Protein backbone atom coordinates (compact mmCIF):
# COMPACT_ATOMS: atom_id res chain seq x y z
CA PRO A 1 102.10 114.23 70.61
CA LEU A 2 102.74 110.68 70.48
CA SER A 3 102.45 107.88 68.29
CA TRP A 4 103.21 104.06 67.66
CA LYS A 5 105.57 103.92 64.60
CA GLU A 6 107.46 101.16 62.95
CA GLY A 7 106.53 98.69 67.10
CA SER A 8 108.17 101.96 69.20
CA ILE A 9 107.04 104.97 70.72
CA HIS A 10 107.76 108.22 68.82
CA PRO A 11 106.47 112.08 68.54
CA THR A 12 104.86 112.51 65.14
CA GLU A 13 107.09 115.09 64.13
CA SER A 14 110.07 114.22 62.09
CA LYS A 15 112.61 114.56 64.59
CA ASP A 16 112.57 111.80 66.93
CA THR A 17 113.50 113.83 70.07
CA LEU A 18 110.97 113.86 73.27
CA PRO A 19 110.24 117.07 74.91
CA THR A 20 113.00 117.58 78.05
CA TRP A 21 111.30 117.40 80.47
CA ILE A 22 110.16 113.96 79.51
CA PRO A 23 112.61 110.75 80.95
CA TYR A 24 113.00 108.91 78.63
CA GLY A 25 112.48 105.85 81.04
CA LEU A 26 108.93 107.18 80.88
CA ARG A 27 108.43 105.90 77.15
CA ILE A 28 109.70 102.43 78.68
CA LEU A 29 107.42 102.45 81.43
CA ALA A 30 104.35 102.66 78.43
CA ALA A 31 105.48 100.28 76.26
CA GLN A 32 105.39 98.16 79.62
CA GLN A 33 102.19 98.88 80.88
CA LEU A 34 101.17 97.64 77.08
CA GLN A 35 101.37 93.76 78.67
CA TYR A 36 98.23 94.96 80.68
CA ASN A 37 96.42 96.66 78.13
CA ASP A 38 97.04 94.84 75.07
CA GLY A 39 98.24 91.68 76.04
CA SER A 40 102.19 90.61 76.42
CA SER A 41 102.96 90.34 73.39
CA LYS A 42 102.77 93.87 71.55
CA ALA A 43 104.62 94.73 74.57
CA LEU A 44 108.00 92.48 74.19
CA ASP A 45 107.53 94.00 70.53
CA VAL A 46 107.46 97.02 71.63
CA LEU A 47 110.35 96.46 74.05
CA LEU A 48 112.68 94.55 70.89
CA ASP A 49 112.13 97.37 68.96
CA MET A 50 113.08 100.08 71.34
CA ARG A 51 116.42 97.98 71.35
CA ASP A 52 116.95 97.80 69.01
CA ARG A 53 117.74 101.71 68.49
CA THR A 54 120.19 101.31 71.95
CA VAL A 55 121.92 98.67 69.86
CA ARG A 56 122.36 100.22 66.19
CA THR A 57 122.77 103.60 67.39
CA ASN A 58 124.33 104.05 64.25
CA TYR A 59 121.29 102.93 61.70
CA TRP A 60 118.66 104.90 64.45
CA ASN A 61 121.06 107.79 65.08
CA THR A 62 120.24 107.23 68.22
CA ARG A 63 123.80 107.30 69.62
CA GLY A 64 123.85 108.53 73.48
CA MET A 65 120.64 105.47 74.21
CA GLU A 66 122.44 102.67 74.38
CA VAL A 67 122.80 102.97 78.60
CA TRP A 68 118.98 102.09 78.05
CA THR A 69 119.59 98.73 77.33
CA SER A 70 120.04 97.13 80.01
CA THR A 71 116.80 98.77 82.01
CA ILE A 72 114.60 97.66 78.46
CA ASP A 73 116.74 94.36 78.93
CA ASN A 74 115.09 93.87 82.41
CA ALA A 75 111.65 94.83 81.09
CA ILE A 76 111.82 91.97 78.43
CA VAL A 77 112.46 89.17 80.99
CA ASN A 78 109.60 90.25 82.96
CA ALA A 79 107.44 90.39 79.84
CA CYS A 80 108.67 86.73 78.82
CA ILE A 81 108.10 85.71 82.13
CA ARG A 82 104.86 87.01 82.35
CA MET A 83 104.08 84.93 78.39
CA LYS A 84 105.90 82.89 80.26
CA GLU A 85 108.10 82.21 77.41
CA TRP A 86 110.69 81.11 78.96
CA ARG A 87 113.96 80.19 76.72
CA LEU A 88 113.60 84.21 75.61
CA ALA A 89 113.92 85.16 79.52
CA LEU A 90 117.19 82.80 80.00
CA HIS A 91 118.68 84.74 77.07
CA PHE A 92 117.78 88.44 77.64
CA LEU A 93 118.84 87.70 81.34
CA GLU A 94 122.22 86.30 80.39
CA GLU A 95 122.33 89.12 77.97
CA LEU A 96 122.08 91.55 81.39
CA ILE A 97 124.61 89.45 82.84
CA GLY A 98 126.88 90.37 80.41
CA ALA A 99 126.30 93.52 80.93
CA VAL A 100 126.73 93.78 84.75
CA GLU A 101 130.69 95.39 84.65
CA GLU A 102 129.79 98.87 82.87
CA GLY A 103 126.16 98.63 85.00
CA VAL A 104 128.68 98.76 87.95
CA ASN A 105 131.09 101.44 86.91
CA ARG A 106 127.20 104.00 85.90
CA GLU A 107 125.86 102.84 88.86
CA VAL A 108 129.84 103.49 91.50
CA LEU A 109 129.51 107.10 89.37
CA TRP A 110 126.10 107.69 90.48
CA TRP A 111 127.04 107.67 93.75
CA CYS A 112 130.30 109.25 94.00
CA ARG A 113 128.37 112.60 92.42
CA GLN A 114 125.89 112.94 94.92
CA ASP A 115 125.95 116.30 96.16
CA ASN A 116 126.77 115.36 100.33
CA SER A 117 129.10 114.15 102.62
CA VAL A 118 127.87 110.17 102.36
CA ALA A 119 128.62 109.41 99.20
CA GLY A 120 130.79 112.19 97.89
CA SER A 121 134.00 111.65 99.28
CA LEU A 122 134.33 108.13 98.62
CA GLY A 123 138.30 107.47 98.44
CA GLU A 124 140.06 105.14 96.00
CA GLU A 125 139.59 101.53 98.44
CA THR A 126 135.93 102.67 99.53
CA ARG A 127 135.26 103.12 95.60
CA VAL A 128 136.67 99.69 94.45
CA GLN A 129 134.94 97.48 97.59
CA LEU A 130 131.47 100.01 96.53
CA LYS A 131 132.14 98.33 92.87
CA GLU A 132 132.46 94.84 93.82
CA LEU A 133 129.06 95.05 96.53
CA ILE A 134 127.58 96.08 93.90
CA THR A 135 128.33 93.63 91.15
CA SER A 136 128.38 90.89 93.23
CA ALA A 137 124.58 92.02 94.62
CA ALA A 138 123.51 92.68 90.92
CA TYR A 139 125.14 88.79 90.50
CA VAL A 140 123.30 87.56 92.71
CA GLU A 141 120.01 89.52 91.60
CA LEU A 142 120.13 88.32 88.30
CA LEU A 143 121.32 84.73 89.05
CA SER A 144 117.97 83.86 91.38
CA ARG A 145 116.53 85.47 88.68
CA GLN A 146 117.40 82.77 86.51
CA ILE A 147 117.11 80.08 89.34
CA LEU A 148 113.61 81.43 89.37
CA VAL A 149 112.98 80.76 85.13
CA LEU A 150 114.99 77.69 85.81
CA LEU A 151 112.30 76.03 88.28
CA GLN A 152 109.21 77.16 86.36
CA SER A 153 110.75 75.16 83.70
CA GLY A 154 110.80 72.34 85.11
CA ALA A 155 115.17 72.22 85.10
CA ILE A 156 115.92 72.01 89.03
CA LYS A 157 119.69 70.28 88.64
CA ALA A 158 120.63 73.26 86.18
CA ALA A 159 118.88 75.83 89.16
CA GLU A 160 120.89 74.00 92.07
CA ILE A 161 124.56 74.82 90.02
CA VAL A 162 122.98 77.95 89.68
CA GLN A 163 122.41 78.49 93.28
CA GLY A 164 126.05 77.57 94.10
CA ASP A 165 127.26 80.86 91.93
CA VAL A 166 124.58 82.36 94.21
CA ARG A 167 126.51 81.17 97.65
CA LEU A 168 129.26 82.47 96.47
CA HIS A 169 129.21 86.11 95.41
CA ALA A 170 126.94 86.09 98.46
CA SER A 171 130.30 84.95 100.03
CA LYS A 172 131.87 88.15 98.69
CA VAL A 173 128.84 90.78 100.17
CA GLU A 174 129.42 88.62 103.38
CA GLY A 175 133.05 89.32 103.69
CA ILE A 176 133.24 93.08 103.46
CA VAL A 177 133.70 94.75 106.04
CA LEU A 178 130.46 97.57 105.85
CA THR A 179 130.98 100.77 107.64
CA GLY A 180 130.85 104.86 107.08
CA ALA A 181 129.87 105.67 103.25
CA LEU A 182 129.31 101.82 102.51
CA SER A 183 126.91 100.87 105.30
CA CYS A 184 124.50 103.98 104.21
CA ILE A 185 125.03 102.43 100.83
CA HIS A 186 123.70 98.96 101.75
CA ARG A 187 121.54 100.42 103.75
CA GLU A 188 119.40 102.37 100.96
CA PHE A 189 120.47 100.26 97.78
CA ALA A 190 118.10 97.27 98.25
CA LEU A 191 119.44 95.67 95.85
CA VAL A 192 122.36 94.56 98.69
CA ARG A 193 120.02 94.75 101.36
CA GLN A 194 118.12 91.73 100.24
CA ILE A 195 121.02 89.42 99.32
CA PRO A 196 120.63 87.55 102.69
CA VAL A 197 116.88 86.99 102.28
CA ARG A 198 116.85 86.30 98.95
CA LEU A 199 119.48 83.54 99.43
CA MET A 200 117.20 81.74 101.43
CA VAL A 201 114.21 82.10 99.95
CA ASN A 202 116.07 80.42 96.18
CA ASP A 203 117.15 77.00 98.92
CA GLY A 204 113.51 77.85 99.44
CA LEU A 205 112.16 77.16 96.18
CA ILE A 206 114.60 74.63 95.18
CA LEU A 207 113.31 72.48 98.22
CA PHE A 208 109.70 73.33 97.58
CA ALA A 209 110.68 71.88 93.68
CA GLN A 210 112.69 68.84 95.50
CA SER A 211 109.39 67.74 96.84
CA ASP A 212 110.30 68.88 100.58
CA TYR A 213 108.17 70.25 102.02
CA GLU A 214 109.18 70.61 105.54
CA LEU A 215 112.09 71.77 105.17
CA ALA A 216 110.92 74.36 102.50
CA ALA A 217 108.69 75.83 104.90
CA GLN A 218 111.40 76.71 107.00
CA ARG A 219 113.12 78.75 105.06
CA PHE A 220 111.07 80.98 103.77
CA ARG A 221 109.95 81.31 107.85
CA GLU A 222 114.16 81.94 108.51
CA ALA A 223 113.39 84.39 105.24
CA MET A 224 110.46 85.99 107.21
CA GLU A 225 112.74 86.67 110.59
CA VAL A 226 115.62 87.89 108.53
CA GLN A 227 113.57 90.34 106.23
CA GLU A 228 111.55 91.31 108.82
CA SER A 229 115.29 92.13 110.57
CA VAL A 230 116.13 93.70 108.16
CA THR A 231 113.34 96.12 107.36
CA SER A 232 113.52 97.27 111.53
CA ASP A 233 117.15 98.13 111.19
CA ASN A 234 116.51 99.98 107.38
CA ASN A 235 113.62 101.70 109.64
CA ASN A 236 115.54 102.36 112.41
CA GLU A 237 118.45 104.32 111.11
CA SER A 238 116.41 106.56 108.53
CA SER A 239 114.69 107.74 111.61
CA ALA A 240 117.45 108.39 113.00
CA LEU A 241 118.50 110.41 109.95
CA ASN A 242 115.40 111.74 109.98
CA SER A 243 115.90 113.67 113.41
CA MET A 244 119.56 115.05 111.44
CA ASP A 245 119.83 118.48 110.11
CA VAL A 246 118.91 118.13 106.82
CA SER A 247 121.80 118.96 105.20
CA SER A 248 123.98 116.58 106.59
CA SER A 249 121.71 113.95 104.92
CA PRO A 250 122.74 111.87 101.66
CA VAL A 251 119.92 113.09 99.12
CA TYR A 252 118.57 110.58 95.96
CA PRO A 253 116.32 111.21 93.74
CA SER A 254 113.61 109.76 92.56
CA TRP A 255 113.85 110.23 88.85
CA LYS A 256 117.48 107.64 89.00
CA ASP A 257 114.99 104.83 87.29
CA LEU A 258 114.06 107.32 84.86
CA ASP A 259 116.26 109.74 83.68
CA SER A 260 119.00 108.57 84.81
CA PRO A 261 119.61 104.92 84.09
CA THR A 262 122.71 102.43 86.29
CA LEU A 263 122.10 98.74 86.37
CA GLY A 264 118.96 99.64 84.63
CA PHE A 265 117.00 96.57 87.70
CA ASP A 266 116.78 96.58 90.97
CA ALA A 267 116.08 93.83 93.82
CA ASP A 268 112.48 94.24 95.59
CA SER A 269 112.00 96.36 99.06
CA SER A 270 110.65 93.28 100.98
CA LEU A 271 110.34 88.89 99.73
CA THR A 272 108.20 88.90 103.25
CA VAL A 273 104.73 88.57 100.15
CA GLU A 274 106.68 86.39 98.23
CA CYS A 275 107.52 84.27 101.23
CA ILE A 276 103.81 84.20 102.68
CA ASN A 277 102.73 82.99 98.99
CA ASN A 278 104.91 80.01 98.58
CA LEU A 279 105.33 79.33 103.17
CA SER A 280 101.31 79.19 102.53
CA LEU A 281 102.06 76.32 99.71
CA CYS A 282 104.09 74.28 101.79
CA LEU A 283 101.32 73.90 104.49
CA LEU A 284 98.79 73.21 101.93
CA TYR A 285 100.95 70.12 100.24
CA SER A 286 102.41 68.94 104.36
CA GLY A 287 98.18 68.67 104.63
CA LYS A 288 98.01 72.15 107.08
CA MET A 289 95.51 74.07 105.23
CA ARG A 290 93.97 75.43 108.74
CA GLU A 291 97.53 77.08 109.99
CA ALA A 292 98.41 77.95 105.92
CA VAL A 293 95.02 80.89 105.85
CA ARG A 294 95.59 82.17 109.86
CA GLU A 295 99.27 82.91 107.97
CA MET A 296 98.32 84.15 105.50
CA GLU A 297 95.62 86.62 107.35
CA ALA A 298 97.49 87.56 110.29
CA LEU A 299 99.44 88.93 107.46
CA ILE A 300 97.28 91.02 105.89
CA ARG A 301 95.73 92.04 109.69
CA LYS A 302 99.58 93.10 109.72
CA ASP A 303 99.76 95.89 107.43
CA PRO A 304 97.13 95.56 104.90
CA CYS A 305 97.93 98.33 102.29
CA GLU A 306 102.01 96.19 102.25
CA TYR A 307 100.07 93.06 102.08
CA LEU A 308 97.04 92.49 100.43
CA THR A 309 98.25 91.70 97.30
CA GLU A 310 96.36 90.46 93.68
CA GLY A 311 98.67 87.51 95.08
CA MET A 312 97.82 87.02 98.44
CA ALA A 313 94.13 87.68 97.36
CA PHE A 314 94.33 84.98 95.17
CA ASN A 315 95.88 82.10 97.20
CA LEU A 316 94.34 83.76 99.81
CA CYS A 317 90.50 82.23 98.44
CA THR A 318 91.57 79.50 96.84
CA LEU A 319 92.47 78.01 100.23
CA TYR A 320 89.07 79.44 101.31
CA GLU A 321 87.84 76.99 98.81
CA LEU A 322 89.43 74.01 99.58
CA GLY A 323 88.95 74.35 103.16
CA SER A 324 85.45 75.16 103.93
CA ASP A 325 81.81 75.23 102.47
CA GLY A 326 80.02 77.40 100.09
CA GLU A 327 78.73 80.20 102.18
CA GLU A 328 81.25 80.37 104.78
CA CYS A 329 83.90 80.63 102.06
CA THR A 330 81.23 82.84 99.96
CA LYS A 331 81.21 85.06 103.15
CA ARG A 332 85.46 85.34 104.13
CA LYS A 333 85.88 85.93 100.40
CA LYS A 334 83.34 89.08 100.76
CA ARG A 335 85.03 89.83 103.66
CA LEU A 336 88.59 89.75 102.85
CA GLN A 337 87.07 92.12 99.39
CA ARG A 338 85.75 94.49 101.81
CA VAL A 339 89.13 94.74 103.53
CA ALA A 340 90.61 95.50 100.07
CA LYS A 341 88.24 98.48 99.20
CA ARG A 342 88.31 100.09 103.05
CA PHE A 343 92.33 100.55 101.95
CA PHE A 344 91.82 101.54 98.18
CA LEU A 345 93.55 98.45 96.96
CA HIS A 346 92.08 99.07 93.83
CA ASP A 347 94.99 97.61 91.93
CA ILE A 348 93.80 94.02 93.09
CA GLY A 349 91.38 93.39 90.27
CA VAL A 350 87.57 91.64 91.41
CA GLU A 351 89.13 87.95 89.65
CA SER A 352 91.69 87.63 92.51
CA PHE A 353 88.62 86.92 94.92
CA ARG A 354 87.42 84.15 92.76
CA LEU A 355 83.32 85.70 93.80
CA ASN A 356 81.35 84.18 91.02
């Protein structure tokens, strides 16, 4: 049985062990859930305690847990952002950046150990290229997160400087010829696949912070187009692989992040919702509110399960309030709520629809 002890999750038994069938990553997920159940502060306390056990392994007799440090740091960053603790978030992002090399080594080793013809036969030259590819992709993701935090705290100039570093690492990825195994890994690994989209989103966010709403909207539209192209190419290649013999298709176990940590973080598989939310704000500030509503509604009609998120519902209902009278506004909100119920989107709370 698990219980709270010294701020972390431990068995009530004297020996701090869990059954072998429970991945350690579930303990981290349990700690993260506290920010939704009991408030972000408790989650942060528990995560910091768990991190201490991965760093001071001799003191806690937790040798072997060092590989989880980056995963816990990533969780801490998310908790800090939710609490608007910007300095603490930046500190642990720096910790993640400092641990990139070790994480990349584990990631490359993981790909090379896959029992399939795609990643299992990587030559030395390909391994070097793979390491360069994942290293640059990791820096793009972490530096982009730094940009988000800096913009939230009002440090626009600092965000512009960091974006210069993002472009540098993105250009390194563009210089790597993606053939054979590298092409397959590029398709399967969102961290690498999302680089061009993330670069455009960063540009749009910085332009928005500089009050250049027209150009920012253009960047977000371009990012959505690139995202659609990337997603389409990935789906086509996945379909082609699915039509092949299973024994020749690569195997990527879903328990990797829970049981076999490598980098400790990944990129979002799609940035479309983030783009449309930011685009709607640009259109709103540009006096094009009705256009913003049309674009958001069109995206939801395209795929409610994918695009109707908590943030999307809240932002769209806010636009309804600004552009419709009381009765019409309530009618449109309830219609959106019915769509969420129809597709069993139970993660969207009632408060997101702003119904009194």
